[in-house]
Structure formats: structure tokens, C-alpha cells
C-alpha atoms as a PDB file:
ATOM      1  CA  MET A   1       0.000   0.000   0.000  1.00  0.00           C
ATOM      2  CA  GLN A   2       1.426   3.329  -1.049  1.00  0.00           C
ATOM      3  CA  LEU A   3       0.778   6.337   1.193  1.00  0.00           C
ATOM      4  CA  THR A   4       0.023   9.695  -0.339  1.00  0.00           C
ATOM      5  CA  ALA A   5       1.347  13.011   0.948  1.00  0.00           C
ATOM      6  CA  ARG A   6      -2.132  13.742   2.291  1.00  0.00           C
ATOM      7  CA  THR A   7      -2.120  10.497   4.282  1.00  0.00           C
ATOM      8  CA  HIS A   8       1.340  11.304   5.693  1.00  0.00           C
ATOM      9  CA  VAL A   9       0.082  14.707   6.841  1.00  0.00           C
ATOM     10  CA  PHE A  10      -2.993  13.115   8.430  1.00  0.00           C
ATOM     11  CA  TYR A  11      -0.900  10.572  10.367  1.00  0.00           C
ATOM     12  CA  PHE A  12       1.564  13.260  11.404  1.00  0.00           C
ATOM     13  CA  ILE A  13      -1.219  15.502  12.776  1.00  0.00           C
ATOM     14  CA  ALA A  14      -2.848  12.530  14.515  1.00  0.00           C
ATOM     15  CA  PHE A  15       0.507  11.581  16.086  1.00  0.00           C
ATOM     16  CA  ILE A  16       1.201  15.132  17.328  1.00  0.00           C
ATOM     17  CA  THR A  17      -2.352  15.447  18.695  1.00  0.00           C
ATOM     18  CA  ALA A  18      -1.997  12.152  20.553  1.00  0.00           C
ATOM     19  CA  MET A  19       1.337  13.248  22.022  1.00  0.00           C
ATOM     20  CA  VAL A  20      -0.069  16.589  23.186  1.00  0.00           C
ATOM     21  CA  PHE A  21      -3.163  15.082  24.790  1.00  0.00           C
ATOM     22  CA  SER A  22      -1.243  12.248  26.419  1.00  0.00           C
ATOM     23  CA  GLY A  23       1.099  14.838  27.939  1.00  0.00           C
ATOM     24  CA  ILE A  24      -1.832  16.833  29.274  1.00  0.00           C
ATOM     25  CA  ALA A  25      -3.530  13.731  30.642  1.00  0.00           C
ATOM     26  CA  ASN A  26      -0.333  12.602  32.365  1.00  0.00           C
ATOM     27  CA  ALA A  27       0.612  16.035  33.766  1.00  0.00           C
ATOM     28  CA  ALA A  28      -0.038  15.812  37.481  1.00  0.00           C
ATOM     29  CA  PRO A  29      -1.087  18.915  39.381  1.00  0.00           C
ATOM     30  CA  PRO A  30       1.450  20.298  41.857  1.00  0.00           C
ATOM     31  CA  LYS A  31       1.537  18.678  45.288  1.00  0.00           C
ATOM     32  CA  GLU A  32       0.075  21.147  47.793  1.00  0.00           C
ATOM     33  CA  ILE A  33       2.500  21.613  50.687  1.00  0.00           C
ATOM     34  CA  PHE A  34       2.621  23.894  53.705  1.00  0.00           C
ATOM     35  CA  TRP A  35       5.434  25.319  55.805  1.00  0.00           C
ATOM     36  CA  GLU A  36       5.455  22.482  58.315  1.00  0.00           C
ATOM     37  CA  ASP A  37       6.138  20.109  55.398  1.00  0.00           C
ATOM     38  CA  LEU A  38       9.535  21.824  54.941  1.00  0.00           C
ATOM     39  CA  ILE A  39      10.624  20.709  58.428  1.00  0.00           C
ATOM     40  CA  PRO A  40      11.746  17.083  58.872  1.00  0.00           C
ATOM     41  CA  LYS A  41       9.488  14.990  61.103  1.00  0.00           C
ATOM     42  CA  GLY A  42      10.792  14.913  64.662  1.00  0.00           C
ATOM     43  CA  HIS A  43      12.863  18.111  64.344  1.00  0.00           C
ATOM     44  CA  VAL A  44      12.046  20.700  67.001  1.00  0.00           C
ATOM     45  CA  GLN A  45      11.962  23.954  65.038  1.00  0.00           C
ATOM     46  CA  ILE A  46      13.250  27.179  66.564  1.00  0.00           C
ATOM     47  CA  SER A  47      10.686  29.907  65.916  1.00  0.00           C
ATOM     48  CA  ASN A  48      11.484  33.576  66.153  1.00  0.00           C
ATOM     49  CA  GLN A  49       8.156  34.870  64.847  1.00  0.00           C
ATOM     50  CA  ASP A  50       6.582  35.427  68.270  1.00  0.00           C
ATOM     51  CA  ALA A  51       9.802  36.486  69.977  1.00  0.00           C
ATOM     52  CA  ALA A  52      10.819  39.008  67.326  1.00  0.00           C
ATOM     53  CA  SER A  53      11.017  42.547  68.614  1.00  0.00           C
ATOM     54  CA  HIS A  54      10.549  45.681  66.567  1.00  0.00           C
ATOM     55  CA  ASP A  55      12.788  47.758  68.833  1.00  0.00           C
ATOM     56  CA  GLY A  56      15.819  47.331  66.557  1.00  0.00           C
ATOM     57  CA  ALA A  57      18.019  45.542  69.090  1.00  0.00           C
ATOM     58  CA  GLU A  58      20.925  43.901  67.250  1.00  0.00           C
ATOM     59  CA  GLN A  59      20.472  40.423  68.768  1.00  0.00           C
ATOM     60  CA  ASN A  60      16.865  40.299  67.497  1.00  0.00           C
ATOM     61  CA  TRP A  61      17.984  40.512  63.843  1.00  0.00           C
ATOM     62  CA  VAL A  62      20.100  37.371  63.757  1.00  0.00           C
ATOM     63  CA  GLN A  63      18.664  34.554  61.650  1.00  0.00           C
ATOM     64  CA  PRO A  64      18.243  31.533  63.942  1.00  0.00           C
ATOM     65  CA  ASP A  65      19.272  27.935  63.332  1.00  0.00           C
ATOM     66  CA  LEU A  66      21.334  28.334  60.142  1.00  0.00           C
ATOM     67  CA  ASP A  67      21.849  24.560  60.172  1.00  0.00           C
ATOM     68  CA  ALA A  68      18.109  23.794  60.287  1.00  0.00           C
ATOM     69  CA  PRO A  69      17.534  20.485  58.464  1.00  0.00           C
ATOM     70  CA  VAL A  70      15.552  20.274  55.234  1.00  0.00           C
ATOM     71  CA  VAL A  71      13.296  17.578  53.786  1.00  0.00           C
ATOM     72  CA  LYS A  72      15.477  16.012  51.085  1.00  0.00           C
ATOM     73  CA  GLU A  73      12.547  13.994  49.682  1.00  0.00           C
ATOM     74  CA  LEU A  74      11.015  17.235  48.366  1.00  0.00           C
ATOM     75  CA  ASP A  75      13.950  17.798  45.986  1.00  0.00           C
ATOM     76  CA  GLY A  76      12.752  17.967  42.383  1.00  0.00           C
ATOM     77  CA  GLN A  77       9.032  17.744  43.201  1.00  0.00           C
ATOM     78  CA  LEU A  78       6.376  19.913  41.565  1.00  0.00           C
ATOM     79  CA  VAL A  79       4.702  21.687  44.490  1.00  0.00           C
ATOM     80  CA  SER A  80       2.516  24.647  45.416  1.00  0.00           C
ATOM     81  CA  LEU A  81       3.245  26.604  48.593  1.00  0.00           C
ATOM     82  CA  PRO A  82       1.438  29.640  50.037  1.00  0.00           C
ATOM     83  CA  GLY A  83       3.360  32.482  51.633  1.00  0.00           C
ATOM     84  CA  PHE A  84       4.417  36.113  51.515  1.00  0.00           C
ATOM     85  CA  VAL A  85       6.820  37.881  49.163  1.00  0.00           C
ATOM     86  CA  VAL A  86      10.103  39.572  50.039  1.00  0.00           C
ATOM     87  CA  PRO A  87      11.156  41.128  46.689  1.00  0.00           C
ATOM     88  CA  LEU A  88      14.783  40.744  45.557  1.00  0.00           C
ATOM     89  CA  GLU A  89      14.849  41.554  41.814  1.00  0.00           C
ATOM     90  CA  GLY A  90      12.457  43.273  39.433  1.00  0.00           C
ATOM     91  CA  ASP A  91      11.073  46.690  38.650  1.00  0.00           C
ATOM     92  CA  SER A  92       7.946  48.726  39.378  1.00  0.00           C
ATOM     93  CA  GLU A  93       5.871  46.405  37.174  1.00  0.00           C
ATOM     94  CA  VAL A  94       7.025  42.850  37.945  1.00  0.00           C
ATOM     95  CA  ILE A  95       9.359  40.898  40.189  1.00  0.00           C
ATOM     96  CA  THR A  96      11.580  38.134  38.849  1.00  0.00           C
ATOM     97  CA  GLU A  97      13.230  36.960  42.058  1.00  0.00           C
ATOM     98  CA  PHE A  98      11.940  36.907  45.631  1.00  0.00           C
ATOM     99  CA  LEU A  99      11.973  35.112  48.945  1.00  0.00           C
ATOM    100  CA  LEU A 100       8.799  33.243  49.878  1.00  0.00           C
ATOM    101  CA  VAL A 101       8.284  33.353  53.639  1.00  0.00           C
ATOM    102  CA  PRO A 102       5.607  31.886  55.944  1.00  0.00           C
ATOM    103  CA  TYR A 103       4.432  35.134  57.563  1.00  0.00           C
ATOM    104  CA  PHE A 104       4.149  38.795  56.652  1.00  0.00           C
ATOM    105  CA  GLY A 105       7.132  40.952  57.503  1.00  0.00           C
ATOM    106  CA  ALA A 106       9.700  38.162  57.765  1.00  0.00           C
ATOM    107  CA  CYS A 107      13.129  39.457  56.665  1.00  0.00           C
ATOM    108  CA  ILE A 108      11.805  43.024  56.386  1.00  0.00           C
ATOM    109  CA  HIS A 109      10.130  44.048  59.652  1.00  0.00           C
ATOM    110  CA  VAL A 110      11.270  41.153  61.805  1.00  0.00           C
ATOM    111  CA  PRO A 111      14.295  38.831  61.616  1.00  0.00           C
ATOM    112  CA  PRO A 112      14.245  36.024  59.053  1.00  0.00           C
ATOM    113  CA  PRO A 113      12.995  32.591  60.062  1.00  0.00           C
ATOM    114  CA  PRO A 114      15.348  29.573  59.912  1.00  0.00           C
ATOM    115  CA  PRO A 115      16.566  28.678  56.387  1.00  0.00           C
ATOM    116  CA  ASN A 116      14.204  25.696  56.120  1.00  0.00           C
ATOM    117  CA  GLN A 117      11.333  28.198  56.333  1.00  0.00           C
ATOM    118  CA  ILE A 118      12.439  30.386  53.406  1.00  0.00           C
ATOM    119  CA  VAL A 119      12.269  29.551  49.687  1.00  0.00           C
ATOM    120  CA  HIS A 120      14.330  31.511  47.149  1.00  0.00           C
ATOM    121  CA  VAL A 121      12.088  31.845  44.057  1.00  0.00           C
ATOM    122  CA  LYS A 122      12.901  32.809  40.479  1.00  0.00           C
ATOM    123  CA  ILE A 123      10.246  33.200  37.792  1.00  0.00           C
ATOM    124  CA  LYS A 124      11.084  33.765  34.124  1.00  0.00           C
ATOM    125  CA  GLY A 125       9.461  36.864  32.705  1.00  0.00           C
ATOM    126  CA  GLY A 126       8.476  38.049  36.158  1.00  0.00           C
ATOM    127  CA  VAL A 127       5.112  38.375  37.803  1.00  0.00           C
ATOM    128  CA  PRO A 128       3.184  41.410  39.026  1.00  0.00           C
ATOM    129  CA  ILE A 129       2.601  41.494  42.777  1.00  0.00           C
ATOM    130  CA  GLU A 130      -0.317  43.723  43.757  1.00  0.00           C
ATOM    131  CA  SER A 131       0.549  44.071  47.441  1.00  0.00           C
ATOM    132  CA  LEU A 132       3.243  42.668  49.702  1.00  0.00           C
ATOM    133  CA  TYR A 133       0.582  42.457  52.420  1.00  0.00           C
ATOM    134  CA  ASP A 134      -1.326  39.757  50.522  1.00  0.00           C
ATOM    135  CA  ALA A 135      -0.481  36.063  50.635  1.00  0.00           C
ATOM    136  CA  ILE A 136       0.183  34.253  47.361  1.00  0.00           C
ATOM    137  CA  THR A 137       0.564  30.649  46.256  1.00  0.00           C
ATOM    138  CA  VAL A 138       3.637  29.760  44.205  1.00  0.00           C
ATOM    139  CA  SER A 139       3.778  26.621  42.049  1.00  0.00           C
ATOM    140  CA  GLY A 140       6.951  25.147  40.618  1.00  0.00           C
ATOM    141  CA  THR A 141       9.774  22.686  41.066  1.00  0.00           C
ATOM    142  CA  ILE A 142      11.336  22.897  44.521  1.00  0.00           C
ATOM    143  CA  LYS A 143      14.992  22.081  45.090  1.00  0.00           C
ATOM    144  CA  VAL A 144      16.832  21.411  48.327  1.00  0.00           C
ATOM    145  CA  SER A 145      19.534  24.012  47.870  1.00  0.00           C
ATOM    146  CA  THR A 146      21.070  26.828  49.892  1.00  0.00           C
ATOM    147  CA  TRP A 147      20.959  30.414  48.732  1.00  0.00           C
ATOM    148  CA  LYS A 148      22.629  33.218  50.694  1.00  0.00           C
ATOM    149  CA  GLY A 149      21.769  36.876  50.366  1.00  0.00           C
ATOM    150  CA  ASP A 150      22.198  40.031  52.380  1.00  0.00           C
ATOM    151  CA  ILE A 151      19.019  39.518  54.382  1.00  0.00           C
ATOM    152  CA  ALA A 152      18.744  35.750  54.773  1.00  0.00           C
ATOM    153  CA  GLN A 153      19.923  32.260  53.966  1.00  0.00           C
ATOM    154  CA  THR A 154      17.461  29.761  52.493  1.00  0.00           C
ATOM    155  CA  GLY A 155      17.240  25.985  52.570  1.00  0.00           C
ATOM    156  CA  TYR A 156      15.156  25.676  49.404  1.00  0.00           C
ATOM    157  CA  MET A 157      15.004  27.172  45.922  1.00  0.00           C
ATOM    158  CA  MET A 158      12.175  27.092  43.382  1.00  0.00           C
ATOM    159  CA  GLU A 159      11.814  27.730  39.674  1.00  0.00           C
ATOM    160  CA  ALA A 160       8.263  29.053  39.704  1.00  0.00           C
ATOM    161  CA  LYS A 161       5.837  28.158  36.935  1.00  0.00           C
ATOM    162  CA  GLY A 162       2.946  30.164  38.361  1.00  0.00           C
ATOM    163  CA  VAL A 163       1.893  32.605  41.054  1.00  0.00           C
ATOM    164  CA  ALA A 164      -1.688  33.188  42.193  1.00  0.00           C
ATOM    165  CA  PRO A 165      -3.450  34.952  45.064  1.00  0.00           C
ATOM    166  CA  PHE A 166      -3.798  32.689  48.105  1.00  0.00           C
ATOM    167  CA  GLU A 167      -7.328  31.395  48.639  1.00  0.00           C
ATOM    168  CA  LEU A 168      -8.583  29.594  51.715  1.00  0.00           C
END
């Protein structure tokens, strides 16, 4: 049986369509995680959120527990995590790099939490952030990796694929 050019085109389009739809059908949604999921089970976490003082005393601005353990099993997983933004890079329209933190004001108004409670996020093309007071949900591939900046050290990094307002 000899195939015509038209038949080749038909099979090619059918093949591409099947590949696209099989990819969509097999694409799993991100695993929804929360801040406690970034702390290994059994680890007693040092929290400075309640103890943080706004009086500017030097000892209050030290990031605690720089050796806080991370959850290595999360490495490479597609996840979504709610939190607050601490901008690092961008302009007046969009941000392209930020720290995701579990509570408002962390790293800005109060000392940073332990590294296993901060995620360094990069997003290609940037994303507009309406207000730093509002919580967001970031989706992307999380990596167990340290990042050090002027204001904090992180235990995780993420290449974000999407950012959305946080909804209860």
C-alpha cells in the first residue's frame, strides 16, 4: 500500500495530537505543601516569629538555626506553597526573584525565620505582585539548595511556573 502526501500529513497531525493530549492527561497537578512540610518529622523547630522585637536591638535581627535540616525527599518535586513575598529583583511592574516566607514581615520588619522556612524563588518573565501584604501561592519545582543573600539564607530554591493569590 502506497501512502500519499495527504495520508502522511494526516498521520503526522494525529501523532502530534496524541502526544499533546497524552502529555496533558499525564501532567499531574502540583503537590500542595505547607510550611510544616519543609521541616523534617521529629525536628524541634526554633521559631522567632513570636519572639521578634521591633525595637531594633541587634540580637533580634540574627537569623536563627542556620543549620536547620531540610526535607530532602522534596527535591525535584512539583509543588505549590502559600506564603508572603520579600522582593529581591524586578522593577515597578514585575518581580523576577523573591523570597517566599511563611508570615508577613519576615526578613523586612522582623528577623528572618530559619533557612528551612524560606524559599528563594525565580520566575522567568516576572510576575506582578499587587501588594506585599497579601499572601500568594507559588507553584513550581522545589529544590533542596542553599541560597545566601544580604538579608537571609534559604534551605530551598524554586523555579516558579505560576503565582496566584492565596485562597482559603
